Amino acid sequence: MKANIWVMLEPTVLDPQGQTIQHALGSLGYTNVRGVRQGKFFVLDLDGISREDAEKQVERIAREVLANPVIEQFRFEIVE
């Protein structure tokens, strides 16, 4: 079983890296891109655990280790 976890800055937090990417895209002719938000993506390989326990552990890992709850939000999915 795998867990896919996405961590993104909260919408109210400035994203200078996203702004830099958007500017670069505009310079390359992609002028229709109006905004870019960058984030992090994690894949966890899980073994010997039930789906219910996996969901609990992955949420805890994302909240306590992978994301800064003050400025970031996260979502995850469990993939069999």
PDB file of N, CA and C in Angstrom:
ATOM      1  N   MET A   1       0.849  -1.168   0.000  1.00  0.00           N
ATOM      2  CA  MET A   1       0.000   0.000   0.000  1.00  0.00           C
ATOM      3  C   MET A   1       0.900   1.238   0.000  1.00  0.00           C
ATOM      4  N   LYS A   2       0.420   2.280  -0.645  1.00  0.00           N
ATOM      5  CA  LYS A   2       1.166   3.539  -0.706  1.00  0.00           C
ATOM      6  C   LYS A   2       0.280   4.677  -0.215  1.00  0.00           C
ATOM      7  N   ALA A   3       0.929   5.709   0.246  1.00  0.00           N
ATOM      8  CA  ALA A   3       0.233   6.940   0.601  1.00  0.00           C
ATOM      9  C   ALA A   3       0.841   8.073  -0.214  1.00  0.00           C
ATOM     10  N   ASN A   4       0.009   8.806  -0.904  1.00  0.00           N
ATOM     11  CA  ASN A   4       0.429  10.006  -1.621  1.00  0.00           C
ATOM     12  C   ASN A   4       0.012  11.204  -0.776  1.00  0.00           C
ATOM     13  N   ILE A   5       0.966  12.104  -0.536  1.00  0.00           N
ATOM     14  CA  ILE A   5       0.705  13.265   0.313  1.00  0.00           C
ATOM     15  C   ILE A   5       1.116  14.534  -0.424  1.00  0.00           C
ATOM     16  N   TRP A   6       0.195  15.481  -0.493  1.00  0.00           N
ATOM     17  CA  TRP A   6       0.467  16.786  -1.093  1.00  0.00           C
ATOM     18  C   TRP A   6       0.485  17.828   0.017  1.00  0.00           C
ATOM     19  N   VAL A   7       1.517  18.661   0.024  1.00  0.00           N
ATOM     20  CA  VAL A   7       1.630  19.750   0.996  1.00  0.00           C
ATOM     21  C   VAL A   7       1.757  21.049   0.207  1.00  0.00           C
ATOM     22  N   MET A   8       0.869  21.992   0.505  1.00  0.00           N
ATOM     23  CA  MET A   8       0.866  23.280  -0.192  1.00  0.00           C
ATOM     24  C   MET A   8       0.812  24.407   0.837  1.00  0.00           C
ATOM     25  N   LEU A   9       1.348  25.553   0.445  1.00  0.00           N
ATOM     26  CA  LEU A   9       1.205  26.735   1.282  1.00  0.00           C
ATOM     27  C   LEU A   9      -0.273  27.114   1.371  1.00  0.00           C
ATOM     28  N   GLU A  10      -0.671  27.632   2.508  1.00  0.00           N
ATOM     29  CA  GLU A  10      -2.035  28.158   2.649  1.00  0.00           C
ATOM     30  C   GLU A  10      -2.244  29.242   1.582  1.00  0.00           C
ATOM     31  N   PRO A  11      -3.457  29.383   1.072  1.00  0.00           N
ATOM     32  CA  PRO A  11      -3.721  30.386   0.036  1.00  0.00           C
ATOM     33  C   PRO A  11      -3.366  31.816   0.458  1.00  0.00           C
ATOM     34  N   THR A  12      -3.406  32.103   1.748  1.00  0.00           N
ATOM     35  CA  THR A  12      -3.117  33.457   2.224  1.00  0.00           C
ATOM     36  C   THR A  12      -1.622  33.733   2.395  1.00  0.00           C
ATOM     37  N   VAL A  13      -0.790  32.697   2.224  1.00  0.00           N
ATOM     38  CA  VAL A  13       0.656  32.851   2.399  1.00  0.00           C
ATOM     39  C   VAL A  13       1.303  33.152   1.044  1.00  0.00           C
ATOM     40  N   LEU A  14       2.145  34.175   1.005  1.00  0.00           N
ATOM     41  CA  LEU A  14       2.846  34.511  -0.227  1.00  0.00           C
ATOM     42  C   LEU A  14       3.732  33.346  -0.661  1.00  0.00           C
ATOM     43  N   ASP A  15       3.840  33.154  -1.980  1.00  0.00           N
ATOM     44  CA  ASP A  15       4.621  32.059  -2.544  1.00  0.00           C
ATOM     45  C   ASP A  15       5.639  32.628  -3.527  1.00  0.00           C
ATOM     46  N   PRO A  16       6.803  33.101  -3.033  1.00  0.00           N
ATOM     47  CA  PRO A  16       7.785  33.707  -3.928  1.00  0.00           C
ATOM     48  C   PRO A  16       8.315  32.739  -4.974  1.00  0.00           C
ATOM     49  N   GLN A  17       8.451  31.467  -4.632  1.00  0.00           N
ATOM     50  CA  GLN A  17       8.927  30.502  -5.625  1.00  0.00           C
ATOM     51  C   GLN A  17       7.890  30.336  -6.732  1.00  0.00           C
ATOM     52  N   GLY A  18       6.619  30.279  -6.371  1.00  0.00           N
ATOM     53  CA  GLY A  18       5.564  30.217  -7.371  1.00  0.00           C
ATOM     54  C   GLY A  18       5.561  31.444  -8.270  1.00  0.00           C
ATOM     55  N   GLN A  19       5.778  32.621  -7.681  1.00  0.00           N
ATOM     56  CA  GLN A  19       5.842  33.854  -8.472  1.00  0.00           C
ATOM     57  C   GLN A  19       7.022  33.825  -9.440  1.00  0.00           C
ATOM     58  N   THR A  20       8.153  33.310  -9.003  1.00  0.00           N
ATOM     59  CA  THR A  20       9.333  33.198  -9.867  1.00  0.00           C
ATOM     60  C   THR A  20       9.052  32.261 -11.036  1.00  0.00           C
ATOM     61  N   ILE A  21       8.392  31.136 -10.748  1.00  0.00           N
ATOM     62  CA  ILE A  21       8.044  30.188 -11.809  1.00  0.00           C
ATOM     63  C   ILE A  21       7.077  30.826 -12.797  1.00  0.00           C
ATOM     64  N   GLN A  22       6.091  31.549 -12.275  1.00  0.00           N
ATOM     65  CA  GLN A  22       5.134  32.213 -13.159  1.00  0.00           C
ATOM     66  C   GLN A  22       5.845  33.221 -14.058  1.00  0.00           C
ATOM     67  N   HIS A  23       6.760  33.994 -13.499  1.00  0.00           N
ATOM     68  CA  HIS A  23       7.516  34.970 -14.291  1.00  0.00           C
ATOM     69  C   HIS A  23       8.333  34.259 -15.374  1.00  0.00           C
ATOM     70  N   ALA A  24       8.988  33.162 -15.018  1.00  0.00           N
ATOM     71  CA  ALA A  24       9.780  32.408 -15.991  1.00  0.00           C
ATOM     72  C   ALA A  24       8.900  31.856 -17.109  1.00  0.00           C
ATOM     73  N   LEU A  25       7.727  31.358 -16.751  1.00  0.00           N
ATOM     74  CA  LEU A  25       6.808  30.843 -17.766  1.00  0.00           C
ATOM     75  C   LEU A  25       6.379  31.953 -18.729  1.00  0.00           C
ATOM     76  N   GLY A  26       6.107  33.139 -18.186  1.00  0.00           N
ATOM     77  CA  GLY A  26       5.757  34.276 -19.028  1.00  0.00           C
ATOM     78  C   GLY A  26       6.882  34.625 -19.988  1.00  0.00           C
ATOM     79  N   SER A  27       8.117  34.563 -19.503  1.00  0.00           N
ATOM     80  CA  SER A  27       9.286  34.845 -20.350  1.00  0.00           C
ATOM     81  C   SER A  27       9.439  33.824 -21.468  1.00  0.00           C
ATOM     82  N   LEU A  28       8.930  32.618 -21.236  1.00  0.00           N
ATOM     83  CA  LEU A  28       9.018  31.558 -22.241  1.00  0.00           C
ATOM     84  C   LEU A  28       7.812  31.546 -23.179  1.00  0.00           C
ATOM     85  N   GLY A  29       6.930  32.522 -23.024  1.00  0.00           N
ATOM     86  CA  GLY A  29       5.789  32.645 -23.919  1.00  0.00           C
ATOM     87  C   GLY A  29       4.490  32.069 -23.389  1.00  0.00           C
ATOM     88  N   TYR A  30       4.504  31.537 -22.189  1.00  0.00           N
ATOM     89  CA  TYR A  30       3.279  30.991 -21.592  1.00  0.00           C
ATOM     90  C   TYR A  30       2.543  32.107 -20.847  1.00  0.00           C
ATOM     91  N   THR A  31       2.051  33.067 -21.598  1.00  0.00           N
ATOM     92  CA  THR A  31       1.465  34.265 -21.011  1.00  0.00           C
ATOM     93  C   THR A  31       0.051  34.038 -20.466  1.00  0.00           C
ATOM     94  N   ASN A  32      -0.546  32.893 -20.773  1.00  0.00           N
ATOM     95  CA  ASN A  32      -1.891  32.622 -20.270  1.00  0.00           C
ATOM     96  C   ASN A  32      -1.874  32.052 -18.849  1.00  0.00           C
ATOM     97  N   VAL A  33      -0.703  31.762 -18.287  1.00  0.00           N
ATOM     98  CA  VAL A  33      -0.609  31.271 -16.912  1.00  0.00           C
ATOM     99  C   VAL A  33      -0.738  32.473 -15.980  1.00  0.00           C
ATOM    100  N   ARG A  34      -1.782  32.501 -15.174  1.00  0.00           N
ATOM    101  CA  ARG A  34      -2.076  33.645 -14.311  1.00  0.00           C
ATOM    102  C   ARG A  34      -1.604  33.473 -12.880  1.00  0.00           C
ATOM    103  N   GLY A  35      -1.226  32.274 -12.508  1.00  0.00           N
ATOM    104  CA  GLY A  35      -0.758  32.060 -11.151  1.00  0.00           C
ATOM    105  C   GLY A  35      -0.118  30.688 -11.009  1.00  0.00           C
ATOM    106  N   VAL A  36       0.872  30.614 -10.146  1.00  0.00           N
ATOM    107  CA  VAL A  36       1.548  29.346  -9.854  1.00  0.00           C
ATOM    108  C   VAL A  36       1.722  29.244  -8.345  1.00  0.00           C
ATOM    109  N   ARG A  37       1.371  28.108  -7.796  1.00  0.00           N
ATOM    110  CA  ARG A  37       1.620  27.802  -6.392  1.00  0.00           C
ATOM    111  C   ARG A  37       2.461  26.541  -6.377  1.00  0.00           C
ATOM    112  N   GLN A  38       3.558  26.561  -5.696  1.00  0.00           N
ATOM    113  CA  GLN A  38       4.413  25.384  -5.620  1.00  0.00           C
ATOM    114  C   GLN A  38       4.147  24.657  -4.321  1.00  0.00           C
ATOM    115  N   GLY A  39       4.501  23.382  -4.300  1.00  0.00           N
ATOM    116  CA  GLY A  39       4.283  22.585  -3.100  1.00  0.00           C
ATOM    117  C   GLY A  39       5.233  21.407  -3.058  1.00  0.00           C
ATOM    118  N   LYS A  40       4.908  20.470  -2.186  1.00  0.00           N
ATOM    119  CA  LYS A  40       5.724  19.267  -2.033  1.00  0.00           C
ATOM    120  C   LYS A  40       4.824  18.051  -2.206  1.00  0.00           C
ATOM    121  N   PHE A  41       5.399  16.979  -2.736  1.00  0.00           N
ATOM    122  CA  PHE A  41       4.673  15.731  -2.932  1.00  0.00           C
ATOM    123  C   PHE A  41       5.503  14.598  -2.355  1.00  0.00           C
ATOM    124  N   PHE A  42       4.875  13.758  -1.542  1.00  0.00           N
ATOM    125  CA  PHE A  42       5.561  12.644  -0.892  1.00  0.00           C
ATOM    126  C   PHE A  42       4.822  11.351  -1.213  1.00  0.00           C
ATOM    127  N   VAL A  43       5.577  10.267  -1.364  1.00  0.00           N
ATOM    128  CA  VAL A  43       5.012   8.932  -1.516  1.00  0.00           C
ATOM    129  C   VAL A  43       5.597   8.078  -0.405  1.00  0.00           C
ATOM    130  N   LEU A  44       4.726   7.524   0.426  1.00  0.00           N
ATOM    131  CA  LEU A  44       5.163   6.635   1.494  1.00  0.00           C
ATOM    132  C   LEU A  44       4.765   5.208   1.133  1.00  0.00           C
ATOM    133  N   ASP A  45       5.706   4.268   1.215  1.00  0.00           N
ATOM    134  CA  ASP A  45       5.401   2.848   1.054  1.00  0.00           C
ATOM    135  C   ASP A  45       5.055   2.291   2.424  1.00  0.00           C
ATOM    136  N   LEU A  46       3.886   1.706   2.531  1.00  0.00           N
ATOM    137  CA  LEU A  46       3.406   1.183   3.803  1.00  0.00           C
ATOM    138  C   LEU A  46       3.282  -0.334   3.706  1.00  0.00           C
ATOM    139  N   ASP A  47       3.614  -1.024   4.769  1.00  0.00           N
ATOM    140  CA  ASP A  47       3.563  -2.477   4.765  1.00  0.00           C
ATOM    141  C   ASP A  47       3.038  -2.988   6.096  1.00  0.00           C
ATOM    142  N   GLY A  48       2.206  -4.008   6.053  1.00  0.00           N
ATOM    143  CA  GLY A  48       1.738  -4.657   7.261  1.00  0.00           C
ATOM    144  C   GLY A  48       0.830  -3.815   8.128  1.00  0.00           C
ATOM    145  N   ILE A  49      -0.049  -3.049   7.490  1.00  0.00           N
ATOM    146  CA  ILE A  49      -0.921  -2.146   8.237  1.00  0.00           C
ATOM    147  C   ILE A  49      -2.286  -2.127   7.561  1.00  0.00           C
ATOM    148  N   SER A  50      -3.334  -2.006   8.339  1.00  0.00           N
ATOM    149  CA  SER A  50      -4.679  -1.924   7.765  1.00  0.00           C
ATOM    150  C   SER A  50      -4.889  -0.544   7.148  1.00  0.00           C
ATOM    151  N   ARG A  51      -5.857  -0.445   6.266  1.00  0.00           N
ATOM    152  CA  ARG A  51      -6.151   0.840   5.624  1.00  0.00           C
ATOM    153  C   ARG A  51      -6.538   1.892   6.663  1.00  0.00           C
ATOM    154  N   GLU A  52      -7.348   1.494   7.636  1.00  0.00           N
ATOM    155  CA  GLU A  52      -7.777   2.432   8.671  1.00  0.00           C
ATOM    156  C   GLU A  52      -6.587   2.954   9.477  1.00  0.00           C
ATOM    157  N   ASP A  53      -5.690   2.059   9.883  1.00  0.00           N
ATOM    158  CA  ASP A  53      -4.499   2.484  10.625  1.00  0.00           C
ATOM    159  C   ASP A  53      -3.569   3.315   9.747  1.00  0.00           C
ATOM    160  N   ALA A  54      -3.487   2.956   8.471  1.00  0.00           N
ATOM    161  CA  ALA A  54      -2.650   3.724   7.538  1.00  0.00           C
ATOM    162  C   ALA A  54      -3.147   5.158   7.441  1.00  0.00           C
ATOM    163  N   GLU A  55      -4.451   5.326   7.326  1.00  0.00           N
ATOM    164  CA  GLU A  55      -5.015   6.677   7.236  1.00  0.00           C
ATOM    165  C   GLU A  55      -4.683   7.493   8.484  1.00  0.00           C
ATOM    166  N   LYS A  56      -4.810   6.879   9.642  1.00  0.00           N
ATOM    167  CA  LYS A  56      -4.501   7.583  10.892  1.00  0.00           C
ATOM    168  C   LYS A  56      -3.020   7.964  10.963  1.00  0.00           C
ATOM    169  N   GLN A  57      -2.149   7.003  10.629  1.00  0.00           N
ATOM    170  CA  GLN A  57      -0.707   7.278  10.710  1.00  0.00           C
ATOM    171  C   GLN A  57      -0.270   8.313   9.687  1.00  0.00           C
ATOM    172  N   VAL A  58      -0.772   8.197   8.463  1.00  0.00           N
ATOM    173  CA  VAL A  58      -0.376   9.140   7.417  1.00  0.00           C
ATOM    174  C   VAL A  58      -0.843  10.548   7.764  1.00  0.00           C
ATOM    175  N   GLU A  59      -2.048  10.678   8.277  1.00  0.00           N
ATOM    176  CA  GLU A  59      -2.508  12.015   8.680  1.00  0.00           C
ATOM    177  C   GLU A  59      -1.605  12.586   9.771  1.00  0.00           C
ATOM    178  N   ARG A  60      -1.233  11.765  10.733  1.00  0.00           N
ATOM    179  CA  ARG A  60      -0.356  12.230  11.814  1.00  0.00           C
ATOM    180  C   ARG A  60       1.028  12.597  11.281  1.00  0.00           C
ATOM    181  N   ILE A  61       1.582  11.764  10.390  1.00  0.00           N
ATOM    182  CA  ILE A  61       2.893  12.064   9.797  1.00  0.00           C
ATOM    183  C   ILE A  61       2.838  13.375   9.030  1.00  0.00           C
ATOM    184  N   ALA A  62       1.791  13.549   8.225  1.00  0.00           N
ATOM    185  CA  ALA A  62       1.673  14.780   7.440  1.00  0.00           C
ATOM    186  C   ALA A  62       1.554  15.997   8.341  1.00  0.00           C
ATOM    187  N   ARG A  63       0.725  15.893   9.374  1.00  0.00           N
ATOM    188  CA  ARG A  63       0.480  17.026  10.270  1.00  0.00           C
ATOM    189  C   ARG A  63       1.704  17.357  11.126  1.00  0.00           C
ATOM    190  N   GLU A  64       2.397  16.331  11.648  1.00  0.00           N
ATOM    191  CA  GLU A  64       3.469  16.563  12.609  1.00  0.00           C
ATOM    192  C   GLU A  64       4.866  16.630  12.005  1.00  0.00           C
ATOM    193  N   VAL A  65       5.048  16.049  10.804  1.00  0.00           N
ATOM    194  CA  VAL A  65       6.396  15.973  10.244  1.00  0.00           C
ATOM    195  C   VAL A  65       6.523  16.696   8.901  1.00  0.00           C
ATOM    196  N   LEU A  66       5.605  16.455   7.990  1.00  0.00           N
ATOM    197  CA  LEU A  66       5.769  16.933   6.619  1.00  0.00           C
ATOM    198  C   LEU A  66       5.263  18.345   6.382  1.00  0.00           C
ATOM    199  N   ALA A  67       4.276  18.778   7.119  1.00  0.00           N
ATOM    200  CA  ALA A  67       3.683  20.103   6.897  1.00  0.00           C
ATOM    201  C   ALA A  67       3.861  20.980   8.125  1.00  0.00           C
ATOM    202  N   ASN A  68       4.000  22.257   7.873  1.00  0.00           N
ATOM    203  CA  ASN A  68       3.999  23.253   8.940  1.00  0.00           C
ATOM    204  C   ASN A  68       2.565  23.777   9.030  1.00  0.00           C
ATOM    205  N   PRO A  69       1.815  23.385  10.054  1.00  0.00           N
ATOM    206  CA  PRO A  69       0.394  23.734  10.101  1.00  0.00           C
ATOM    207  C   PRO A  69       0.106  25.233  10.187  1.00  0.00           C
ATOM    208  N   VAL A  70       1.097  26.015  10.503  1.00  0.00           N
ATOM    209  CA  VAL A  70       0.890  27.463  10.571  1.00  0.00           C
ATOM    210  C   VAL A  70       0.747  28.058   9.172  1.00  0.00           C
ATOM    211  N   ILE A  71       1.508  27.538   8.202  1.00  0.00           N
ATOM    212  CA  ILE A  71       1.507  28.141   6.868  1.00  0.00           C
ATOM    213  C   ILE A  71       1.173  27.162   5.746  1.00  0.00           C
ATOM    214  N   GLU A  72       1.011  25.870   6.066  1.00  0.00           N
ATOM    215  CA  GLU A  72       0.779  24.881   5.016  1.00  0.00           C
ATOM    216  C   GLU A  72      -0.471  24.053   5.302  1.00  0.00           C
ATOM    217  N   GLN A  73      -1.046  23.559   4.230  1.00  0.00           N
ATOM    218  CA  GLN A  73      -2.151  22.615   4.319  1.00  0.00           C
ATOM    219  C   GLN A  73      -1.722  21.336   3.604  1.00  0.00           C
ATOM    220  N   PHE A  74      -2.409  20.250   3.875  1.00  0.00           N
ATOM    221  CA  PHE A  74      -2.048  19.001   3.225  1.00  0.00           C
ATOM    222  C   PHE A  74      -3.303  18.196   2.901  1.00  0.00           C
ATOM    223  N   ARG A  75      -3.127  17.272   2.005  1.00  0.00           N
ATOM    224  CA  ARG A  75      -4.144  16.258   1.724  1.00  0.00           C
ATOM    225  C   ARG A  75      -3.394  14.989   1.369  1.00  0.00           C
ATOM    226  N   PHE A  76      -4.081  13.871   1.510  1.00  0.00           N
ATOM    227  CA  PHE A  76      -3.432  12.607   1.189  1.00  0.00           C
ATOM    228  C   PHE A  76      -4.445  11.612   0.659  1.00  0.00           C
ATOM    229  N   GLU A  77      -3.926  10.579   0.013  1.00  0.00           N
ATOM    230  CA  GLU A  77      -4.746   9.467  -0.419  1.00  0.00           C
ATOM    231  C   GLU A  77      -3.972   8.188  -0.177  1.00  0.00           C
ATOM    232  N   ILE A  78      -4.698   7.136   0.171  1.00  0.00           N
ATOM    233  CA  ILE A  78      -4.120   5.816   0.337  1.00  0.00           C
ATOM    234  C   ILE A  78      -4.405   5.035  -0.943  1.00  0.00           C
ATOM    235  N   VAL A  79      -3.362   4.453  -1.522  1.00  0.00           N
ATOM    236  CA  VAL A  79      -3.488   3.709  -2.766  1.00  0.00           C
ATOM    237  C   VAL A  79      -3.100   2.262  -2.515  1.00  0.00           C
ATOM    238  N   GLU A  80      -3.975   1.346  -2.835  1.00  0.00           N
ATOM    239  CA  GLU A  80      -3.706  -0.078  -2.599  1.00  0.00           C
ATOM    240  C   GLU A  80      -2.834  -0.637  -3.708  1.00  0.00           C
TER     241      GLU A  80
END
